[in-house]
Amino acid sequence: MELADIVALAQRFWVVWLLVLFVGIVVWVFRPRKKQELERHGYIPLEDDQPRTRARSYRQADDGDDGDGGNGE
């Protein structure tokens, strides 16, 4: 089977491939086990953009900024 034969076969069945992909994604998204996680992700745009105080202090400690202005002393 040459490459041209494979391309011709793929062109004939592209709708089937896309339908299988779509059904697979829908099944994966609507699994009962994923419901809570996906609902939590749905509220991300509505959450406050300011990081929590505790998270901010961890980030400041992790980036190595000791407040000396970057002169290393």
PDB file of N, CA and C in Angstrom:
ATOM      1  N   MET A   1       0.853  -1.180   0.000  1.00  0.00           N
ATOM      2  CA  MET A   1       0.000   0.000   0.000  1.00  0.00           C
ATOM      3  C   MET A   1       0.892   1.234   0.000  1.00  0.00           C
ATOM      4  N   GLU A   2       0.681   2.049  -0.973  1.00  0.00           N
ATOM      5  CA  GLU A   2       1.494   3.256  -1.112  1.00  0.00           C
ATOM      6  C   GLU A   2       0.859   4.416  -0.339  1.00  0.00           C
ATOM      7  N   LEU A   3       1.615   5.478  -0.235  1.00  0.00           N
ATOM      8  CA  LEU A   3       1.151   6.663   0.486  1.00  0.00           C
ATOM      9  C   LEU A   3      -0.099   7.249  -0.162  1.00  0.00           C
ATOM     10  N   ALA A   4      -0.165   7.242  -1.464  1.00  0.00           N
ATOM     11  CA  ALA A   4      -1.338   7.779  -2.176  1.00  0.00           C
ATOM     12  C   ALA A   4      -2.598   6.976  -1.824  1.00  0.00           C
ATOM     13  N   ASP A   5      -2.455   5.665  -1.658  1.00  0.00           N
ATOM     14  CA  ASP A   5      -3.599   4.832  -1.269  1.00  0.00           C
ATOM     15  C   ASP A   5      -4.068   5.168   0.142  1.00  0.00           C
ATOM     16  N   ILE A   6      -3.114   5.389   1.018  1.00  0.00           N
ATOM     17  CA  ILE A   6      -3.461   5.736   2.405  1.00  0.00           C
ATOM     18  C   ILE A   6      -4.163   7.089   2.457  1.00  0.00           C
ATOM     19  N   VAL A   7      -3.670   8.045   1.698  1.00  0.00           N
ATOM     20  CA  VAL A   7      -4.289   9.372   1.657  1.00  0.00           C
ATOM     21  C   VAL A   7      -5.704   9.288   1.105  1.00  0.00           C
ATOM     22  N   ALA A   8      -5.912   8.509   0.050  1.00  0.00           N
ATOM     23  CA  ALA A   8      -7.243   8.354  -0.536  1.00  0.00           C
ATOM     24  C   ALA A   8      -8.202   7.713   0.454  1.00  0.00           C
ATOM     25  N   LEU A   9      -7.727   6.713   1.196  1.00  0.00           N
ATOM     26  CA  LEU A   9      -8.564   6.062   2.206  1.00  0.00           C
ATOM     27  C   LEU A   9      -8.916   7.037   3.329  1.00  0.00           C
ATOM     28  N   ALA A  10      -7.944   7.809   3.771  1.00  0.00           N
ATOM     29  CA  ALA A  10      -8.186   8.782   4.839  1.00  0.00           C
ATOM     30  C   ALA A  10      -9.160   9.862   4.401  1.00  0.00           C
ATOM     31  N   GLN A  11      -9.078  10.278   3.140  1.00  0.00           N
ATOM     32  CA  GLN A  11      -9.990  11.298   2.641  1.00  0.00           C
ATOM     33  C   GLN A  11     -11.425  10.787   2.599  1.00  0.00           C
ATOM     34  N   ARG A  12     -11.605   9.515   2.329  1.00  0.00           N
ATOM     35  CA  ARG A  12     -12.958   8.963   2.281  1.00  0.00           C
ATOM     36  C   ARG A  12     -13.583   8.846   3.659  1.00  0.00           C
ATOM     37  N   PHE A  13     -12.764   8.576   4.659  1.00  0.00           N
ATOM     38  CA  PHE A  13     -13.310   8.288   5.983  1.00  0.00           C
ATOM     39  C   PHE A  13     -13.046   9.381   7.013  1.00  0.00           C
ATOM     40  N   TRP A  14     -12.756  10.606   6.606  1.00  0.00           N
ATOM     41  CA  TRP A  14     -12.446  11.664   7.565  1.00  0.00           C
ATOM     42  C   TRP A  14     -13.634  12.007   8.438  1.00  0.00           C
ATOM     43  N   VAL A  15     -14.831  11.911   7.895  1.00  0.00           N
ATOM     44  CA  VAL A  15     -16.029  12.202   8.699  1.00  0.00           C
ATOM     45  C   VAL A  15     -16.168  11.184   9.818  1.00  0.00           C
ATOM     46  N   VAL A  16     -15.890   9.940   9.510  1.00  0.00           N
ATOM     47  CA  VAL A  16     -15.971   8.883  10.530  1.00  0.00           C
ATOM     48  C   VAL A  16     -14.935   9.134  11.615  1.00  0.00           C
ATOM     49  N   TRP A  17     -13.719   9.484  11.217  1.00  0.00           N
ATOM     50  CA  TRP A  17     -12.669   9.751  12.212  1.00  0.00           C
ATOM     51  C   TRP A  17     -13.068  10.910  13.126  1.00  0.00           C
ATOM     52  N   LEU A  18     -13.588  11.981  12.537  1.00  0.00           N
ATOM     53  CA  LEU A  18     -13.973  13.139  13.350  1.00  0.00           C
ATOM     54  C   LEU A  18     -15.155  12.824  14.254  1.00  0.00           C
ATOM     55  N   LEU A  19     -16.097  12.020  13.774  1.00  0.00           N
ATOM     56  CA  LEU A  19     -17.241  11.640  14.598  1.00  0.00           C
ATOM     57  C   LEU A  19     -16.796  10.799  15.790  1.00  0.00           C
ATOM     58  N   VAL A  20     -15.901   9.868  15.564  1.00  0.00           N
ATOM     59  CA  VAL A  20     -15.379   9.049  16.664  1.00  0.00           C
ATOM     60  C   VAL A  20     -14.644   9.922  17.673  1.00  0.00           C
ATOM     61  N   LEU A  21     -13.853  10.859  17.194  1.00  0.00           N
ATOM     62  CA  LEU A  21     -13.143  11.779  18.083  1.00  0.00           C
ATOM     63  C   LEU A  21     -14.121  12.621  18.901  1.00  0.00           C
ATOM     64  N   PHE A  22     -15.147  13.164  18.249  1.00  0.00           N
ATOM     65  CA  PHE A  22     -16.135  13.988  18.934  1.00  0.00           C
ATOM     66  C   PHE A  22     -16.873  13.186  20.004  1.00  0.00           C
ATOM     67  N   VAL A  23     -17.309  11.986  19.662  1.00  0.00           N
ATOM     68  CA  VAL A  23     -18.031  11.149  20.632  1.00  0.00           C
ATOM     69  C   VAL A  23     -17.108  10.792  21.800  1.00  0.00           C
ATOM     70  N   GLY A  24     -15.855  10.516  21.510  1.00  0.00           N
ATOM     71  CA  GLY A  24     -14.908  10.210  22.580  1.00  0.00           C
ATOM     72  C   GLY A  24     -14.722  11.377  23.534  1.00  0.00           C
ATOM     73  N   ILE A  25     -14.618  12.575  23.002  1.00  0.00           N
ATOM     74  CA  ILE A  25     -14.467  13.761  23.857  1.00  0.00           C
ATOM     75  C   ILE A  25     -15.720  13.989  24.688  1.00  0.00           C
ATOM     76  N   VAL A  26     -16.884  13.837  24.081  1.00  0.00           N
ATOM     77  CA  VAL A  26     -18.144  14.041  24.816  1.00  0.00           C
ATOM     78  C   VAL A  26     -18.268  13.024  25.949  1.00  0.00           C
ATOM     79  N   VAL A  27     -17.943  11.779  25.679  1.00  0.00           N
ATOM     80  CA  VAL A  27     -18.013  10.749  26.723  1.00  0.00           C
ATOM     81  C   VAL A  27     -17.031  11.071  27.836  1.00  0.00           C
ATOM     82  N   TRP A  28     -15.819  11.507  27.476  1.00  0.00           N
ATOM     83  CA  TRP A  28     -14.810  11.818  28.478  1.00  0.00           C
ATOM     84  C   TRP A  28     -15.236  12.988  29.364  1.00  0.00           C
ATOM     85  N   VAL A  29     -15.843  14.007  28.763  1.00  0.00           N
ATOM     86  CA  VAL A  29     -16.236  15.198  29.515  1.00  0.00           C
ATOM     87  C   VAL A  29     -17.421  14.911  30.430  1.00  0.00           C
ATOM     88  N   PHE A  30     -18.371  14.130  29.981  1.00  0.00           N
ATOM     89  CA  PHE A  30     -19.589  13.925  30.755  1.00  0.00           C
ATOM     90  C   PHE A  30     -19.539  12.707  31.667  1.00  0.00           C
ATOM     91  N   ARG A  31     -18.358  12.189  31.944  1.00  0.00           N
ATOM     92  CA  ARG A  31     -18.254  11.109  32.925  1.00  0.00           C
ATOM     93  C   ARG A  31     -18.643  11.666  34.290  1.00  0.00           C
ATOM     94  N   PRO A  32     -19.380  10.909  35.077  1.00  0.00           N
ATOM     95  CA  PRO A  32     -19.780  11.401  36.407  1.00  0.00           C
ATOM     96  C   PRO A  32     -18.586  11.723  37.301  1.00  0.00           C
ATOM     97  N   ARG A  33     -17.495  11.019  37.130  1.00  0.00           N
ATOM     98  CA  ARG A  33     -16.331  11.245  37.969  1.00  0.00           C
ATOM     99  C   ARG A  33     -15.711  12.620  37.716  1.00  0.00           C
ATOM    100  N   LYS A  34     -15.861  13.165  36.519  1.00  0.00           N
ATOM    101  CA  LYS A  34     -15.261  14.453  36.164  1.00  0.00           C
ATOM    102  C   LYS A  34     -16.148  15.648  36.497  1.00  0.00           C
ATOM    103  N   LYS A  35     -17.382  15.419  36.910  1.00  0.00           N
ATOM    104  CA  LYS A  35     -18.340  16.506  37.075  1.00  0.00           C
ATOM    105  C   LYS A  35     -17.848  17.569  38.054  1.00  0.00           C
ATOM    106  N   GLN A  36     -17.406  17.162  39.218  1.00  0.00           N
ATOM    107  CA  GLN A  36     -16.987  18.133  40.234  1.00  0.00           C
ATOM    108  C   GLN A  36     -15.777  18.945  39.746  1.00  0.00           C
ATOM    109  N   GLU A  37     -14.827  18.286  39.119  1.00  0.00           N
ATOM    110  CA  GLU A  37     -13.638  18.988  38.629  1.00  0.00           C
ATOM    111  C   GLU A  37     -13.996  19.993  37.530  1.00  0.00           C
ATOM    112  N   LEU A  38     -14.855  19.597  36.617  1.00  0.00           N
ATOM    113  CA  LEU A  38     -15.226  20.496  35.526  1.00  0.00           C
ATOM    114  C   LEU A  38     -16.084  21.654  36.013  1.00  0.00           C
ATOM    115  N   GLU A  39     -16.938  21.425  37.002  1.00  0.00           N
ATOM    116  CA  GLU A  39     -17.707  22.538  37.574  1.00  0.00           C
ATOM    117  C   GLU A  39     -16.783  23.535  38.252  1.00  0.00           C
ATOM    118  N   ARG A  40     -15.758  23.033  38.934  1.00  0.00           N
ATOM    119  CA  ARG A  40     -14.787  23.923  39.584  1.00  0.00           C
ATOM    120  C   ARG A  40     -14.037  24.742  38.530  1.00  0.00           C
ATOM    121  N   HIS A  41     -13.672  24.122  37.415  1.00  0.00           N
ATOM    122  CA  HIS A  41     -13.000  24.853  36.341  1.00  0.00           C
ATOM    123  C   HIS A  41     -13.928  25.886  35.714  1.00  0.00           C
ATOM    124  N   GLY A  42     -15.220  25.636  35.718  1.00  0.00           N
ATOM    125  CA  GLY A  42     -16.173  26.571  35.144  1.00  0.00           C
ATOM    126  C   GLY A  42     -16.263  27.875  35.915  1.00  0.00           C
ATOM    127  N   TYR A  43     -15.897  27.865  37.188  1.00  0.00           N
ATOM    128  CA  TYR A  43     -15.956  29.078  38.005  1.00  0.00           C
ATOM    129  C   TYR A  43     -14.661  29.886  37.979  1.00  0.00           C
ATOM    130  N   ILE A  44     -13.653  29.415  37.289  1.00  0.00           N
ATOM    131  CA  ILE A  44     -12.374  30.127  37.248  1.00  0.00           C
ATOM    132  C   ILE A  44     -12.522  31.565  36.747  1.00  0.00           C
ATOM    133  N   PRO A  45     -13.286  31.841  35.685  1.00  0.00           N
ATOM    134  CA  PRO A  45     -13.402  33.236  35.234  1.00  0.00           C
ATOM    135  C   PRO A  45     -14.098  34.147  36.242  1.00  0.00           C
ATOM    136  N   LEU A  46     -14.848  33.582  37.158  1.00  0.00           N
ATOM    137  CA  LEU A  46     -15.589  34.385  38.118  1.00  0.00           C
ATOM    138  C   LEU A  46     -14.815  34.637  39.407  1.00  0.00           C
ATOM    139  N   GLU A  47     -13.689  33.954  39.571  1.00  0.00           N
ATOM    140  CA  GLU A  47     -12.917  34.104  40.799  1.00  0.00           C
ATOM    141  C   GLU A  47     -12.140  35.409  40.791  1.00  0.00           C
ATOM    142  N   ASP A  48     -11.759  35.855  41.992  1.00  0.00           N
ATOM    143  CA  ASP A  48     -10.981  37.070  42.157  1.00  0.00           C
ATOM    144  C   ASP A  48      -9.587  36.866  41.572  1.00  0.00           C
ATOM    145  N   ASP A  49      -9.048  37.883  40.905  1.00  0.00           N
ATOM    146  CA  ASP A  49      -7.739  37.773  40.284  1.00  0.00           C
ATOM    147  C   ASP A  49      -6.589  37.913  41.277  1.00  0.00           C
ATOM    148  N   GLN A  50      -6.835  38.464  42.450  1.00  0.00           N
ATOM    149  CA  GLN A  50      -5.784  38.670  43.434  1.00  0.00           C
ATOM    150  C   GLN A  50      -5.426  37.341  44.092  1.00  0.00           C
ATOM    151  N   PRO A  51      -4.137  37.006  44.145  1.00  0.00           N
ATOM    152  CA  PRO A  51      -3.746  35.769  44.831  1.00  0.00           C
ATOM    153  C   PRO A  51      -3.960  35.898  46.330  1.00  0.00           C
ATOM    154  N   ARG A  52      -4.124  34.783  46.970  1.00  0.00           N
ATOM    155  CA  ARG A  52      -4.303  34.783  48.429  1.00  0.00           C
ATOM    156  C   ARG A  52      -3.021  35.242  49.102  1.00  0.00           C
ATOM    157  N   THR A  53      -3.134  35.751  50.303  1.00  0.00           N
ATOM    158  CA  THR A  53      -1.970  36.270  51.018  1.00  0.00           C
ATOM    159  C   THR A  53      -0.940  35.179  51.243  1.00  0.00           C
ATOM    160  N   ARG A  54      -1.386  33.998  51.639  1.00  0.00           N
ATOM    161  CA  ARG A  54      -0.462  32.905  51.896  1.00  0.00           C
ATOM    162  C   ARG A  54       0.261  32.506  50.601  1.00  0.00           C
ATOM    163  N   ALA A  55      -0.463  32.423  49.499  1.00  0.00           N
ATOM    164  CA  ALA A  55       0.151  32.049  48.219  1.00  0.00           C
ATOM    165  C   ALA A  55       1.169  33.103  47.787  1.00  0.00           C
ATOM    166  N   ARG A  56       0.866  34.365  48.039  1.00  0.00           N
ATOM    167  CA  ARG A  56       1.791  35.433  47.661  1.00  0.00           C
ATOM    168  C   ARG A  56       3.079  35.318  48.475  1.00  0.00           C
ATOM    169  N   SER A  57       2.988  35.021  49.770  1.00  0.00           N
ATOM    170  CA  SER A  57       4.192  34.919  50.583  1.00  0.00           C
ATOM    171  C   SER A  57       5.047  33.739  50.141  1.00  0.00           C
ATOM    172  N   TYR A  58       4.425  32.626  49.711  1.00  0.00           N
ATOM    173  CA  TYR A  58       5.193  31.488  49.211  1.00  0.00           C
ATOM    174  C   TYR A  58       5.914  31.861  47.917  1.00  0.00           C
ATOM    175  N   ARG A  59       5.259  32.582  47.040  1.00  0.00           N
ATOM    176  CA  ARG A  59       5.888  32.971  45.784  1.00  0.00           C
ATOM    177  C   ARG A  59       7.074  33.890  46.040  1.00  0.00           C
ATOM    178  N   GLN A  60       6.932  34.812  46.964  1.00  0.00           N
ATOM    179  CA  GLN A  60       8.026  35.729  47.244  1.00  0.00           C
ATOM    180  C   GLN A  60       9.216  34.980  47.831  1.00  0.00           C
ATOM    181  N   ALA A  61       8.953  33.970  48.636  1.00  0.00           N
ATOM    182  CA  ALA A  61      10.039  33.192  49.212  1.00  0.00           C
ATOM    183  C   ALA A  61      10.718  32.335  48.149  1.00  0.00           C
ATOM    184  N   ASP A  62       9.967  31.845  47.177  1.00  0.00           N
ATOM    185  CA  ASP A  62      10.512  30.962  46.157  1.00  0.00           C
ATOM    186  C   ASP A  62      11.330  31.688  45.099  1.00  0.00           C
ATOM    187  N   ASP A  63      11.036  32.957  44.819  1.00  0.00           N
ATOM    188  CA  ASP A  63      11.733  33.618  43.721  1.00  0.00           C
ATOM    189  C   ASP A  63      13.095  34.184  44.140  1.00  0.00           C
ATOM    190  N   GLY A  64      13.468  34.019  45.385  1.00  0.00           N
ATOM    191  CA  GLY A  64      14.784  34.445  45.837  1.00  0.00           C
ATOM    192  C   GLY A  64      14.899  35.930  46.086  1.00  0.00           C
ATOM    193  N   ASP A  65      13.807  36.662  46.059  1.00  0.00           N
ATOM    194  CA  ASP A  65      13.841  38.094  46.284  1.00  0.00           C
ATOM    195  C   ASP A  65      13.899  38.349  47.795  1.00  0.00           C
ATOM    196  N   ASP A  66      15.027  38.853  48.257  1.00  0.00           N
ATOM    197  CA  ASP A  66      15.154  39.118  49.690  1.00  0.00           C
ATOM    198  C   ASP A  66      14.963  40.593  50.006  1.00  0.00           C
ATOM    199  N   GLY A  67      14.545  41.371  49.010  1.00  0.00           N
ATOM    200  CA  GLY A  67      14.219  42.759  49.255  1.00  0.00           C
ATOM    201  C   GLY A  67      15.392  43.706  49.236  1.00  0.00           C
ATOM    202  N   ASP A  68      16.568  43.266  48.776  1.00  0.00           N
ATOM    203  CA  ASP A  68      17.719  44.149  48.802  1.00  0.00           C
ATOM    204  C   ASP A  68      17.914  44.875  47.466  1.00  0.00           C
ATOM    205  N   GLY A  69      16.976  44.755  46.576  1.00  0.00           N
ATOM    206  CA  GLY A  69      17.081  45.471  45.312  1.00  0.00           C
ATOM    207  C   GLY A  69      17.898  44.748  44.275  1.00  0.00           C
ATOM    208  N   GLY A  70      18.280  43.530  44.515  1.00  0.00           N
ATOM    209  CA  GLY A  70      18.989  42.731  43.543  1.00  0.00           C
ATOM    210  C   GLY A  70      20.491  42.938  43.498  1.00  0.00           C
ATOM    211  N   ASN A  71      21.082  43.571  44.527  1.00  0.00           N
ATOM    212  CA  ASN A  71      22.507  43.805  44.492  1.00  0.00           C
ATOM    213  C   ASN A  71      23.304  42.633  45.094  1.00  0.00           C
ATOM    214  N   GLY A  72      22.629  41.626  45.657  1.00  0.00           N
ATOM    215  CA  GLY A  72      23.303  40.428  46.133  1.00  0.00           C
ATOM    216  C   GLY A  72      24.045  40.573  47.434  1.00  0.00           C
ATOM    217  N   GLU A  73      23.905  41.642  48.137  1.00  0.00           N
ATOM    218  CA  GLU A  73      24.614  41.822  49.407  1.00  0.00           C
ATOM    219  C   GLU A  73      23.769  41.394  50.564  1.00  0.00           C
TER     220      GLU A  73
END
